[in-house]
Amino acid sequence: MAFFGRNKAEAEETPLVLPKHVGIIMDGNGRWAKKRGLPRKAGHTEGARTFRKITRYCSEVGIKYLTVYAFSTENWKRPEDEVGALMKLFKSYLEEAISDFKDDDIVVRFIGDKSGFSPELRALMDENEECSRERDGMVLNIAMNYGSRDEIVRAVKSIAADVKSGALSEADITEQLISDRLYTAGQPDPDLIIRPSGEYRISNFMLWQSAYTEFVIMNKLWPDFQKSDLDEALRIYSQRNRRYGGV
């Protein structure tokens, strides 16, 4: 296990509490490009490189679950040319990922409404999931066409349909049942959510799951995010006292 930028003596003196599940809101690609006089798609391309680097690092240091916010249900409102560039980037990434991650013990899952994407993209998502299904390392959730409110509405509709059919009763509806109908069913809630770019918003990301999540906001745009920044976020998390509403 990595010492996250500290020497061994420091690590032994103040051991880190490693979160099981980390969420990252990959924010700031467009602003990164604008600061450099580049088109926004250049920022998304650079952000994709950062994604690969940080994903592998999370796996190396022992994170069990990583959820990255790649494309929200609201992102369709962006300019048509930017959305088109993102779809091309996703296609390129998904094609490369099949071989790019073949030597990594990472299980790839896509969470969100896949129906919003082209048949070609959906097929590539399915292929990536199938190729990694038998691995037993870190689970990587890539949130695409994901919105937490939409996720909760889908879960409620699913439960309502079962109540109507008689498969469930009102008494069967619990917090756990709702959790079991979300995209992240069977996974622990995120312990830590990191948001680069300095924005203090959750942006419709894992609203149900993050009830007791620790947040770390970092004033750095996602394409500039480094392994050392993840180290710092993990160090901050390790110093938090999680009380879950208690004392």
Protein backbone atom coordinates (compact mmCIF):
# COMPACT_ATOMS: atom_id res chain seq x y z
CA MET A 1 0.00 0.00 0.00
CA ALA A 2 1.24 3.46 -0.86
CA PHE A 3 2.18 5.98 1.81
CA PHE A 4 0.57 8.81 -0.23
CA GLY A 5 3.58 11.09 -0.49
CA ARG A 6 4.76 10.64 3.11
CA ASN A 7 7.84 8.81 4.28
CA LYS A 8 7.51 5.51 6.10
CA ALA A 9 8.05 6.98 9.58
CA GLU A 10 5.30 9.56 9.06
CA ALA A 11 2.95 6.89 7.71
CA GLU A 12 3.51 4.66 10.74
CA GLU A 13 2.96 7.56 13.14
CA THR A 14 -0.34 8.66 11.60
CA PRO A 15 -1.81 5.74 9.65
CA LEU A 16 -4.33 6.63 6.98
CA VAL A 17 -7.90 5.39 7.03
CA LEU A 18 -8.44 4.40 3.42
CA PRO A 19 -11.99 4.91 2.10
CA LYS A 20 -13.59 1.85 0.49
CA HIS A 21 -15.55 3.88 -2.04
CA VAL A 22 -14.41 7.16 -3.61
CA GLY A 23 -16.48 9.33 -5.94
CA ILE A 24 -14.94 11.96 -8.19
CA ILE A 25 -16.82 14.76 -9.95
CA MET A 26 -14.46 15.31 -12.88
CA ASP A 27 -15.02 19.05 -13.24
CA GLY A 28 -13.14 21.82 -15.02
CA ASN A 29 -12.27 20.48 -18.48
CA GLY A 30 -13.87 23.38 -20.32
CA ARG A 31 -12.31 26.03 -18.10
CA TRP A 32 -8.91 24.35 -18.44
CA ALA A 33 -9.16 24.67 -22.23
CA LYS A 34 -10.46 28.25 -22.11
CA LYS A 35 -7.53 29.37 -19.94
CA ARG A 36 -5.23 28.12 -22.69
CA GLY A 37 -7.18 29.51 -25.62
CA LEU A 38 -8.12 26.00 -26.76
CA PRO A 39 -11.49 24.56 -27.81
CA ARG A 40 -13.45 22.90 -25.00
CA LYS A 41 -13.00 19.49 -26.59
CA ALA A 42 -9.25 19.81 -25.94
CA GLY A 43 -10.03 20.03 -22.24
CA HIS A 44 -12.17 16.90 -22.42
CA THR A 45 -9.35 15.05 -24.18
CA GLU A 46 -6.87 16.07 -21.48
CA GLY A 47 -9.41 15.21 -18.79
CA ALA A 48 -9.69 11.69 -20.26
CA ARG A 49 -5.93 11.25 -19.83
CA THR A 50 -6.21 12.34 -16.21
CA PHE A 51 -9.06 9.88 -15.73
CA ARG A 52 -6.91 6.96 -16.88
CA LYS A 53 -4.02 8.01 -14.63
CA ILE A 54 -6.10 8.55 -11.49
CA THR A 55 -8.16 5.39 -12.04
CA ARG A 56 -5.05 3.24 -12.12
CA TYR A 57 -3.62 5.02 -9.09
CA CYS A 58 -6.81 4.43 -7.08
CA SER A 59 -6.54 0.74 -7.91
CA GLU A 60 -2.85 0.67 -6.95
CA VAL A 61 -3.37 2.23 -3.51
CA GLY A 62 -6.22 -0.10 -2.58
CA ILE A 63 -9.48 1.74 -3.25
CA LYS A 64 -12.19 -0.94 -3.66
CA TYR A 65 -14.79 1.15 -5.51
CA LEU A 66 -14.34 4.26 -7.63
CA THR A 67 -17.24 6.17 -9.18
CA VAL A 68 -16.44 8.92 -11.67
CA TYR A 69 -18.97 11.43 -12.99
CA ALA A 70 -18.32 11.49 -16.74
CA PHE A 71 -21.53 12.80 -18.34
CA SER A 72 -24.69 13.95 -16.57
CA THR A 73 -28.30 13.95 -17.71
CA GLU A 74 -27.99 17.75 -17.84
CA ASN A 75 -24.89 17.73 -20.07
CA TRP A 76 -27.09 17.19 -23.15
CA LYS A 77 -27.96 20.91 -22.82
CA ARG A 78 -24.42 21.89 -23.81
CA PRO A 79 -23.71 23.19 -27.34
CA GLU A 80 -24.32 20.58 -30.01
CA ASP A 81 -20.74 20.62 -31.26
CA GLU A 82 -19.39 20.03 -27.72
CA VAL A 83 -21.79 17.12 -27.13
CA GLY A 84 -20.79 15.67 -30.50
CA ALA A 85 -17.11 15.95 -29.62
CA LEU A 86 -17.77 14.23 -26.29
CA MET A 87 -19.58 11.35 -27.98
CA LYS A 88 -16.61 10.87 -30.35
CA LEU A 89 -14.25 10.97 -27.37
CA PHE A 90 -16.36 8.41 -25.50
CA LYS A 91 -16.34 6.13 -28.55
CA SER A 92 -12.56 6.42 -28.89
CA TYR A 93 -12.06 5.82 -25.17
CA LEU A 94 -14.38 2.80 -25.08
CA GLU A 95 -12.64 1.23 -28.06
CA GLU A 96 -9.23 1.78 -26.47
CA ALA A 97 -10.33 0.71 -22.99
CA ILE A 98 -11.03 -2.86 -24.09
CA SER A 99 -7.29 -3.33 -24.69
CA ASP A 100 -6.00 -0.45 -22.54
CA PHE A 101 -7.30 -1.94 -19.29
CA LYS A 102 -6.83 -5.59 -20.25
CA ASP A 103 -3.83 -5.98 -17.93
CA ASP A 104 -5.48 -4.08 -15.06
CA ASP A 105 -7.51 -6.00 -12.51
CA ILE A 106 -10.35 -3.45 -12.74
CA VAL A 107 -14.03 -4.30 -13.11
CA VAL A 108 -15.73 -1.72 -15.36
CA ARG A 109 -19.39 -0.81 -14.88
CA PHE A 110 -21.48 1.94 -16.44
CA ILE A 111 -24.18 3.55 -14.33
CA GLY A 112 -26.86 5.79 -15.77
CA ASP A 113 -29.42 5.60 -18.56
CA LYS A 114 -27.62 3.89 -21.44
CA SER A 115 -30.65 4.27 -23.70
CA GLY A 116 -29.69 7.88 -24.36
CA PHE A 117 -26.61 6.82 -26.31
CA SER A 118 -26.23 5.45 -29.81
CA PRO A 119 -26.43 1.66 -30.35
CA GLU A 120 -22.70 1.71 -31.16
CA LEU A 121 -21.80 3.33 -27.83
CA ARG A 122 -24.13 1.02 -25.91
CA ALA A 123 -22.52 -2.01 -27.54
CA LEU A 124 -19.06 -0.75 -26.57
CA MET A 125 -20.20 -0.21 -22.98
CA ASP A 126 -21.55 -3.76 -22.86
CA GLU A 127 -18.32 -5.13 -24.32
CA ASN A 128 -16.19 -3.30 -21.74
CA GLU A 129 -18.35 -4.64 -18.92
CA GLU A 130 -18.26 -8.18 -20.30
CA CYS A 131 -14.48 -8.14 -20.81
CA SER A 132 -13.88 -7.16 -17.19
CA ARG A 133 -16.65 -9.17 -15.54
CA GLU A 134 -14.43 -11.96 -14.18
CA ARG A 135 -11.82 -9.66 -12.63
CA ASP A 136 -11.73 -9.30 -8.86
CA GLY A 137 -9.97 -5.96 -8.37
CA MET A 138 -11.33 -2.43 -7.97
CA VAL A 139 -14.83 -1.77 -9.28
CA LEU A 140 -14.89 1.29 -11.54
CA ASN A 141 -18.32 2.88 -11.99
CA ILE A 142 -18.41 5.30 -14.92
CA ALA A 143 -21.49 7.51 -14.58
CA MET A 144 -22.71 8.37 -18.09
CA ASN A 145 -26.07 9.99 -18.79
CA TYR A 146 -26.38 9.83 -15.03
CA GLY A 147 -28.46 12.04 -12.77
CA SER A 148 -29.17 11.11 -9.18
CA ARG A 149 -32.73 12.48 -9.20
CA ASP A 150 -33.47 10.40 -12.28
CA GLU A 151 -31.90 7.39 -10.56
CA ILE A 152 -34.13 7.82 -7.51
CA VAL A 153 -37.27 8.32 -9.64
CA ARG A 154 -36.48 5.08 -11.51
CA ALA A 155 -36.04 3.24 -8.20
CA VAL A 156 -39.35 4.58 -6.85
CA LYS A 157 -41.20 3.65 -10.04
CA SER A 158 -39.75 0.15 -9.88
CA ILE A 159 -40.91 -0.27 -6.28
CA ALA A 160 -44.34 1.22 -7.05
CA ALA A 161 -44.80 -1.27 -9.89
CA ASP A 162 -44.00 -4.16 -7.54
CA VAL A 163 -46.43 -2.83 -4.92
CA LYS A 164 -49.14 -2.53 -7.57
CA SER A 165 -48.55 -6.09 -8.77
CA GLY A 166 -48.60 -7.43 -5.22
CA ALA A 167 -44.93 -8.51 -5.28
CA LEU A 168 -44.25 -6.01 -2.47
CA SER A 169 -46.33 -4.47 0.31
CA GLU A 170 -46.01 -0.97 1.75
CA ALA A 171 -44.35 -2.49 4.81
CA ASP A 172 -41.58 -3.90 2.60
CA ILE A 173 -40.39 -0.42 1.59
CA THR A 174 -37.24 0.40 3.54
CA GLU A 175 -34.10 2.47 3.00
CA GLN A 176 -32.30 -0.73 2.08
CA LEU A 177 -34.92 -1.60 -0.54
CA ILE A 178 -34.48 1.78 -2.18
CA SER A 179 -30.69 1.36 -2.11
CA ASP A 180 -31.11 -2.03 -3.74
CA ARG A 181 -32.96 -0.44 -6.68
CA LEU A 182 -30.24 2.15 -7.42
CA TYR A 183 -27.50 1.72 -10.03
CA THR A 184 -25.00 1.09 -7.22
CA ALA A 185 -26.97 -1.77 -5.67
CA GLY A 186 -24.73 -4.13 -3.73
CA GLN A 187 -21.95 -1.56 -3.31
CA PRO A 188 -21.09 0.44 -0.20
CA ASP A 189 -22.07 4.10 -0.18
CA PRO A 190 -19.19 6.46 -1.04
CA ASP A 191 -17.04 7.36 1.94
CA LEU A 192 -15.41 10.26 0.12
CA ILE A 193 -16.41 12.44 -2.83
CA ILE A 194 -13.75 14.65 -4.37
CA ARG A 195 -14.62 17.67 -6.49
CA PRO A 196 -11.80 19.42 -8.32
CA SER A 197 -12.27 22.92 -9.80
CA GLY A 198 -13.22 24.65 -6.54
CA GLU A 199 -16.99 24.47 -7.09
CA TYR A 200 -19.08 23.85 -3.95
CA ARG A 201 -21.90 21.86 -5.55
CA ILE A 202 -22.93 18.21 -5.63
CA SER A 203 -24.41 18.62 -9.15
CA ASN A 204 -26.99 15.81 -8.93
CA PHE A 205 -24.37 13.18 -8.11
CA MET A 206 -25.20 10.24 -5.82
CA LEU A 207 -27.70 12.19 -3.69
CA TRP A 208 -29.12 9.15 -1.89
CA GLN A 209 -25.79 7.40 -1.49
CA SER A 210 -23.91 10.43 -0.14
CA ALA A 211 -26.06 11.08 2.96
CA TYR A 212 -23.01 10.62 5.21
CA THR A 213 -20.22 11.04 2.68
CA GLU A 214 -17.22 13.23 3.41
CA PHE A 215 -16.54 15.89 0.74
CA VAL A 216 -13.20 17.35 -0.27
CA ILE A 217 -13.23 20.36 -2.62
CA MET A 218 -9.95 21.03 -4.40
CA ASN A 219 -9.12 24.26 -6.19
CA LYS A 220 -7.60 22.57 -9.23
CA LEU A 221 -9.17 21.87 -12.62
CA TRP A 222 -9.59 18.19 -13.44
CA PRO A 223 -7.02 18.02 -16.30
CA ASP A 224 -4.40 19.34 -13.84
CA PHE A 225 -5.32 16.82 -11.14
CA GLN A 226 -2.32 14.73 -10.08
CA LYS A 227 -1.69 11.64 -7.98
CA SER A 228 -0.42 13.96 -5.26
CA ASP A 229 -3.83 15.68 -5.22
CA LEU A 230 -5.52 12.36 -4.59
CA ASP A 231 -2.98 11.72 -1.82
CA GLU A 232 -3.94 15.05 -0.25
CA ALA A 233 -7.68 14.28 -0.48
CA LEU A 234 -7.11 10.90 1.18
CA ARG A 235 -5.05 12.55 3.92
CA ILE A 236 -7.84 15.08 4.59
CA TYR A 237 -10.43 12.30 4.65
CA SER A 238 -8.31 10.31 7.10
CA GLN A 239 -8.37 13.24 9.55
CA ARG A 240 -12.16 13.52 9.55
CA ASN A 241 -14.23 12.21 12.48
CA ARG A 242 -17.22 10.44 10.92
CA ARG A 243 -20.05 10.36 13.49
CA TYR A 244 -23.03 9.43 11.27
CA GLY A 245 -25.33 11.70 13.26
CA GLY A 246 -24.00 10.51 16.62
CA VAL A 247 -21.55 12.18 19.02
